[in-house]
Amino acid sequence: MEALVCRKHGDPTNPPDSSENSPLSVSTSHPIPNLISPTSVRVRIKSISLNYATYLQVLGKYQEKFPLPFVLGSDYSGVVEFVGPNVTKYGVPDGCDLVAAAAIPVAYGTSHQALVHRANLKSDQVLLVLGAAGGVGLAAVQIGKVRGAIVIAVARGTEKVEFLKSMGVDHVVDLSKEGVIESVKSFLKTKKLKGVDVVYDPVGGKLMKESMKLLNCGAQILVIGFASGEVPVIPANIALVKNWTIHGVYWGNYETNRPGVVEDSLKELLSWLARGLITIYMFRSYKLQEAYLAFLEIKDRKVIGKVMITVDDPKTIPSSRL
């Protein structure tokens, strides 16, 4: 079978197999996994979602290190070819697009667990989403709207800002033109709101430091990641006197230690997708051999929503159950 394999850590924007400096290789004879467990499932992959975390994994800068070599692609969709005798349920609801379903687990799963299971986001609470045009950010924006929250999105550049406005966001901060503190305070004043109840942060760094000045007493901070490259310092003394709750949210840990939570989360997300309550915006789709182009767009912060790898032409992939 074909597989995109990381053989060593390095820059994934180098074309696979192009030189000895390239960390990626496209294997055309990767062994098909043996199905030795009664709960095994074999899926013929049709679509794979790439995340910022995938980019960091290849660089060797992700917080969880995978032993080399490893096959890229932690969330995917496809057609089930075989199930073990103890498998009783699998697949997605009718009406789910097969390519779109591949974008659900990590980006939307992370945001759902953060906002629904951890923060218990409620209607009319103020949600501030940093990095709102990226994969997890856009998922958080949509989930916030489904939950009835007042959503403030932070992004950079006209294209991203206009896209977020089209998603029905209540207020968008364009960091290329204005500061987050002044813009959000102005919006809150016009709406006669005191401050932010929940901040969703996949960015870290200076932006998170500034955002803390907007938080209400009793606010919740969702630590998702550090796309800025800088881990923010959240002063414990300020968290104490303002009764803040700080949640670390790592989807991979849930998958290992609380699989029931992951299952319930994905079930609700797929239901929302089938009912049109959330949509997957596919920024661009690439073939396996073109994955380096996807990583280049991720590196340059050009992506709005998701970049995907499709094994077949997306137009030929059915919108049906796995």
Protein backbone atom coordinates (compact mmCIF):
# COMPACT_ATOMS: atom_id res chain seq x y z
CA MET A 1 0.00 0.00 0.00
CA GLU A 2 0.99 3.66 -0.35
CA ALA A 3 2.04 5.62 2.73
CA LEU A 4 3.58 9.00 3.53
CA VAL A 5 6.39 8.08 5.92
CA CYS A 6 8.50 10.34 8.14
CA ARG A 7 11.91 8.65 8.23
CA LYS A 8 13.75 11.40 10.11
CA HIS A 9 12.95 14.78 11.60
CA GLY A 10 13.29 17.78 9.31
CA ASP A 11 11.50 20.35 7.19
CA PRO A 12 8.37 18.76 5.62
CA THR A 13 8.20 21.53 2.99
CA ASN A 14 10.97 19.67 1.12
CA PRO A 15 9.43 17.40 -1.55
CA PRO A 16 9.35 13.72 -0.51
CA ASP A 17 12.36 11.67 -1.66
CA SER A 18 13.82 14.77 -3.35
CA SER A 19 17.13 14.69 -1.49
CA GLU A 20 18.79 13.23 1.55
CA ASN A 21 17.59 16.31 3.46
CA SER A 22 13.94 15.46 2.90
CA PRO A 23 12.38 13.87 6.02
CA LEU A 24 9.44 12.44 4.06
CA SER A 25 9.18 9.52 1.72
CA VAL A 26 6.26 8.14 -0.27
CA SER A 27 6.34 4.39 0.09
CA THR A 28 4.50 2.41 -2.58
CA SER A 29 5.03 -0.95 -0.87
CA HIS A 30 4.30 -0.23 2.76
CA PRO A 31 3.12 -3.41 4.51
CA ILE A 32 -0.62 -3.76 5.10
CA PRO A 33 -1.23 -4.06 8.86
CA ASN A 34 -2.02 -7.53 10.15
CA LEU A 35 -5.44 -7.77 11.79
CA ILE A 36 -4.66 -9.84 14.86
CA SER A 37 -7.15 -8.32 17.31
CA PRO A 38 -10.87 -9.22 17.41
CA THR A 39 -11.56 -5.48 17.54
CA SER A 40 -9.44 -4.67 14.46
CA VAL A 41 -10.85 -2.57 11.64
CA ARG A 42 -9.21 -2.13 8.24
CA VAL A 43 -10.07 1.02 6.30
CA ARG A 44 -9.18 1.85 2.71
CA ILE A 45 -8.17 5.49 3.18
CA LYS A 46 -9.77 8.08 0.92
CA SER A 47 -8.91 11.33 2.69
CA ILE A 48 -6.40 12.48 5.32
CA SER A 49 -6.42 15.72 7.29
CA LEU A 50 -3.15 17.55 7.95
CA ASN A 51 -2.87 19.68 11.07
CA TYR A 52 -0.34 22.15 12.45
CA ALA A 53 0.52 19.39 14.92
CA THR A 54 1.47 17.13 11.99
CA TYR A 55 3.89 19.80 10.79
CA LEU A 56 5.47 19.96 14.26
CA GLN A 57 5.69 16.16 14.46
CA VAL A 58 7.80 16.00 11.30
CA LEU A 59 10.01 18.84 12.56
CA GLY A 60 10.52 16.91 15.79
CA LYS A 61 9.12 19.84 17.80
CA TYR A 62 5.84 18.32 18.91
CA GLN A 63 5.50 17.72 22.65
CA GLU A 64 4.79 14.04 22.08
CA LYS A 65 7.60 12.32 20.17
CA PHE A 66 6.75 9.39 17.90
CA PRO A 67 9.37 6.70 17.27
CA LEU A 68 10.85 6.86 13.78
CA PRO A 69 9.82 5.95 11.17
CA PHE A 70 6.10 6.76 11.43
CA VAL A 71 3.23 7.14 8.97
CA LEU A 72 1.58 10.56 8.87
CA GLY A 73 -2.15 11.00 9.31
CA SER A 74 -3.89 10.85 12.68
CA ASP A 75 -7.34 11.62 11.31
CA TYR A 76 -8.73 10.19 8.11
CA SER A 77 -11.80 8.75 6.44
CA GLY A 78 -12.38 5.93 4.03
CA VAL A 79 -14.25 2.73 3.28
CA VAL A 80 -14.29 -0.10 5.80
CA GLU A 81 -12.95 -3.30 4.21
CA PHE A 82 -12.78 -5.61 7.21
CA VAL A 83 -13.94 -5.69 10.83
CA GLY A 84 -13.00 -8.11 13.58
CA PRO A 85 -15.63 -10.39 15.16
CA ASN A 86 -15.97 -8.18 18.25
CA VAL A 87 -16.63 -4.96 16.35
CA THR A 88 -20.28 -4.01 16.71
CA LYS A 89 -20.47 -0.42 15.48
CA TYR A 90 -18.57 1.79 13.10
CA GLY A 91 -19.14 4.38 10.40
CA VAL A 92 -20.71 7.83 10.22
CA PRO A 93 -24.30 9.05 9.86
CA ASP A 94 -25.99 9.25 6.47
CA GLY A 95 -25.44 12.62 4.81
CA CYS A 96 -21.84 13.06 5.97
CA ASP A 97 -19.38 13.91 3.21
CA LEU A 98 -16.55 11.37 3.25
CA VAL A 99 -13.78 13.92 2.64
CA ALA A 100 -15.18 16.33 5.24
CA ALA A 101 -15.41 13.55 7.83
CA ALA A 102 -11.61 13.23 7.80
CA ALA A 103 -11.29 16.74 9.25
CA ILE A 104 -13.46 16.01 12.27
CA PRO A 105 -11.38 13.99 14.81
CA VAL A 106 -8.43 16.18 15.82
CA ALA A 107 -9.46 19.77 14.99
CA TYR A 108 -13.16 19.53 15.76
CA GLY A 109 -12.66 16.86 18.44
CA THR A 110 -10.20 19.09 20.30
CA SER A 111 -12.52 22.10 20.12
CA HIS A 112 -15.58 20.10 21.14
CA GLN A 113 -13.86 18.58 24.16
CA ALA A 114 -12.49 21.98 25.16
CA LEU A 115 -15.69 23.99 24.82
CA VAL A 116 -18.34 21.39 25.63
CA HIS A 117 -16.73 18.89 28.03
CA ARG A 118 -14.26 21.16 29.83
CA ALA A 119 -15.60 24.72 29.72
CA ASN A 120 -19.27 23.75 29.44
CA LEU A 121 -19.79 26.79 27.25
CA LYS A 122 -23.26 28.24 27.70
CA SER A 123 -25.58 30.38 25.63
CA ASP A 124 -24.82 34.13 25.78
CA GLN A 125 -21.36 33.63 27.30
CA VAL A 126 -18.58 35.56 25.54
CA LEU A 127 -16.08 33.30 23.77
CA LEU A 128 -12.77 34.71 22.50
CA VAL A 129 -11.08 32.50 19.88
CA LEU A 130 -7.43 33.20 19.06
CA GLY A 131 -6.06 31.93 15.75
CA ALA A 132 -9.66 31.72 14.63
CA ALA A 133 -9.09 31.04 10.91
CA GLY A 134 -6.98 27.91 11.41
CA GLY A 135 -8.20 24.33 11.74
CA VAL A 136 -8.93 24.19 15.48
CA GLY A 137 -9.83 27.88 15.62
CA LEU A 138 -12.49 27.67 12.94
CA ALA A 139 -13.87 24.56 14.63
CA ALA A 140 -14.09 26.49 17.92
CA VAL A 141 -15.88 29.37 16.21
CA GLN A 142 -18.54 27.06 14.78
CA ILE A 143 -19.01 25.09 17.99
CA GLY A 144 -19.32 28.36 19.90
CA LYS A 145 -22.13 29.46 17.60
CA VAL A 146 -23.88 26.08 17.92
CA ARG A 147 -23.75 26.52 21.72
CA GLY A 148 -25.29 30.00 21.41
CA ALA A 149 -22.23 31.93 22.60
CA ILE A 150 -21.22 35.45 21.60
CA VAL A 151 -18.14 34.69 19.50
CA ILE A 152 -15.19 37.06 19.08
CA ALA A 153 -12.63 35.81 16.54
CA VAL A 154 -9.02 36.94 16.26
CA ALA A 155 -7.13 36.54 12.97
CA ARG A 156 -4.72 38.38 10.71
CA GLY A 157 -5.39 39.67 7.19
CA THR A 158 -8.36 40.73 5.11
CA GLU A 159 -9.06 37.32 3.55
CA LYS A 160 -9.29 35.57 6.91
CA VAL A 161 -11.30 38.37 8.50
CA GLU A 162 -13.86 38.45 5.68
CA PHE A 163 -14.20 34.68 5.80
CA LEU A 164 -14.86 34.73 9.55
CA LYS A 165 -17.49 37.44 9.09
CA SER A 166 -19.19 35.20 6.54
CA MET A 167 -19.36 32.49 9.22
CA GLY A 168 -21.58 34.71 11.37
CA VAL A 169 -18.99 35.67 13.98
CA ASP A 170 -20.19 38.47 16.26
CA HIS A 171 -16.93 40.43 16.11
CA VAL A 172 -13.60 39.92 14.31
CA VAL A 173 -10.26 41.42 15.32
CA ASP A 174 -7.82 41.95 12.43
CA LEU A 175 -4.38 41.90 14.03
CA SER A 176 -2.83 43.43 10.92
CA LYS A 177 -4.79 46.64 11.60
CA GLU A 178 -5.67 46.78 15.30
CA GLY A 179 -4.79 45.49 18.75
CA VAL A 180 -6.85 42.80 20.43
CA ILE A 181 -7.40 44.73 23.68
CA GLU A 182 -8.74 47.93 22.14
CA SER A 183 -10.88 46.17 19.53
CA VAL A 184 -12.51 43.71 21.95
CA LYS A 185 -13.10 46.34 24.64
CA SER A 186 -14.83 48.57 22.09
CA PHE A 187 -17.10 45.71 20.99
CA LEU A 188 -17.92 44.71 24.57
CA LYS A 189 -18.81 48.32 25.40
CA THR A 190 -21.26 48.60 22.49
CA LYS A 191 -22.94 45.37 23.62
CA LYS A 192 -22.90 46.40 27.32
CA LEU A 193 -20.86 43.32 28.21
CA LYS A 194 -18.29 43.19 31.01
CA GLY A 195 -15.66 40.90 29.53
CA VAL A 196 -14.71 37.52 28.12
CA ASP A 197 -15.99 34.34 29.82
CA VAL A 198 -13.96 31.75 27.88
CA VAL A 199 -10.74 32.20 25.89
CA TYR A 200 -9.70 29.48 23.43
CA ASP A 201 -5.96 29.69 22.81
CA PRO A 202 -4.06 27.64 20.19
CA VAL A 203 -1.56 30.49 19.73
CA GLY A 204 0.10 31.36 23.05
CA GLY A 205 2.78 34.03 23.33
CA LYS A 206 2.07 37.77 23.45
CA LEU A 207 -1.48 37.38 22.13
CA MET A 208 -2.53 35.26 25.09
CA LYS A 209 -0.80 37.65 27.51
CA GLU A 210 -2.85 40.54 26.10
CA SER A 211 -6.07 38.51 26.05
CA MET A 212 -5.85 37.88 29.80
CA LYS A 213 -6.58 41.59 30.31
CA LEU A 214 -10.03 41.02 28.79
CA LEU A 215 -11.16 38.16 31.05
CA ASN A 216 -14.00 38.34 33.52
CA CYS A 217 -13.71 37.11 37.08
CA GLY A 218 -14.47 33.39 36.97
CA ALA A 219 -13.35 33.11 33.33
CA GLN A 220 -12.01 29.91 31.82
CA ILE A 221 -8.77 29.62 29.86
CA LEU A 222 -8.48 26.77 27.35
CA VAL A 223 -4.82 26.00 26.55
CA ILE A 224 -4.85 24.30 23.13
CA GLY A 225 -1.37 24.89 21.68
CA PHE A 226 1.46 27.28 20.98
CA ALA A 227 1.46 28.11 17.28
CA SER A 228 3.38 31.31 18.04
CA GLY A 229 6.29 29.21 19.26
CA GLU A 230 6.09 30.80 22.71
CA VAL A 231 4.49 29.16 25.75
CA PRO A 232 2.59 31.89 27.65
CA VAL A 233 3.02 32.52 31.35
CA ILE A 234 -0.31 32.67 33.16
CA PRO A 235 0.35 34.25 36.60
CA ALA A 236 -1.03 31.98 39.32
CA ASN A 237 -1.62 34.94 41.64
CA ILE A 238 -3.88 36.63 39.06
CA ALA A 239 -5.71 33.35 38.42
CA LEU A 240 -6.23 33.10 42.18
CA VAL A 241 -7.72 36.53 42.82
CA LYS A 242 -9.86 36.42 39.65
CA ASN A 243 -11.04 32.84 40.18
CA TRP A 244 -9.90 31.76 36.73
CA THR A 245 -9.99 28.11 35.71
CA ILE A 246 -7.16 26.95 33.42
CA HIS A 247 -7.77 23.84 31.31
CA GLY A 248 -5.07 22.03 29.38
CA VAL A 249 -6.72 20.26 26.44
CA TYR A 250 -4.84 17.50 24.59
CA TRP A 251 -7.00 15.35 22.32
CA GLY A 252 -4.42 12.55 22.11
CA ASN A 253 -4.55 12.01 25.87
CA TYR A 254 -8.34 11.70 25.75
CA GLU A 255 -8.08 9.12 22.97
CA THR A 256 -5.80 6.99 25.17
CA ASN A 257 -7.29 7.46 28.63
CA ARG A 258 -10.92 8.39 28.09
CA PRO A 259 -12.03 6.82 24.80
CA GLY A 260 -15.68 7.00 25.80
CA VAL A 261 -15.47 10.80 25.87
CA VAL A 262 -13.90 10.79 22.40
CA GLU A 263 -16.61 8.49 21.06
CA ASP A 264 -19.41 10.66 22.44
CA SER A 265 -17.74 13.80 21.12
CA LEU A 266 -17.28 12.43 17.59
CA LYS A 267 -20.83 11.12 17.56
CA GLU A 268 -22.24 14.56 18.33
CA LEU A 269 -19.92 16.29 15.85
CA LEU A 270 -20.85 13.91 13.03
CA SER A 271 -24.52 14.46 13.86
CA TRP A 272 -23.99 18.23 13.65
CA LEU A 273 -22.16 17.80 10.34
CA ALA A 274 -24.96 15.67 8.86
CA ARG A 275 -27.56 18.23 10.02
CA GLY A 276 -25.62 21.18 8.61
CA LEU A 277 -24.95 22.80 12.00
CA ILE A 278 -21.21 22.78 11.29
CA THR A 279 -19.40 22.78 7.96
CA ILE A 280 -15.88 21.75 7.00
CA TYR A 281 -14.07 24.37 4.96
CA MET A 282 -11.48 22.61 2.81
CA PHE A 283 -8.89 25.24 1.89
CA ARG A 284 -7.13 22.99 -0.60
CA SER A 285 -6.68 19.30 -1.40
CA TYR A 286 -3.43 17.62 -2.44
CA LYS A 287 -2.25 14.23 -3.58
CA LEU A 288 0.05 12.17 -1.36
CA GLN A 289 3.15 13.18 -3.33
CA GLU A 290 2.16 16.87 -2.96
CA ALA A 291 1.97 16.87 0.83
CA TYR A 292 4.97 19.19 1.01
CA LEU A 293 2.87 21.92 -0.66
CA ALA A 294 0.25 21.55 2.06
CA PHE A 295 2.94 21.84 4.73
CA LEU A 296 4.28 24.96 3.01
CA GLU A 297 0.88 26.63 3.29
CA ILE A 298 0.61 25.58 6.93
CA LYS A 299 4.09 26.97 7.61
CA ASP A 300 3.29 30.29 5.90
CA ARG A 301 -0.02 30.68 7.82
CA LYS A 302 -2.02 30.79 4.61
CA VAL A 303 -4.55 28.12 5.50
CA ILE A 304 -8.16 28.96 6.27
CA GLY A 305 -9.83 25.88 7.71
CA LYS A 306 -8.30 22.58 6.63
CA VAL A 307 -5.84 21.24 4.09
CA MET A 308 -6.47 17.66 3.03
CA ILE A 309 -4.71 14.81 1.30
CA THR A 310 -7.05 12.85 -0.97
CA VAL A 311 -6.10 9.47 -2.32
CA ASP A 312 -8.74 9.66 -5.06
CA ASP A 313 -10.21 12.65 -6.88
CA PRO A 314 -12.47 14.35 -4.28
CA LYS A 315 -15.24 14.57 -6.89
CA THR A 316 -15.31 10.77 -7.17
CA ILE A 317 -15.43 10.11 -3.43
CA PRO A 318 -19.01 9.37 -2.38
CA SER A 319 -20.83 11.33 0.30
CA SER A 320 -21.85 8.25 2.20
CA ARG A 321 -21.13 6.15 5.22
CA LEU A 322 -17.69 4.78 5.96
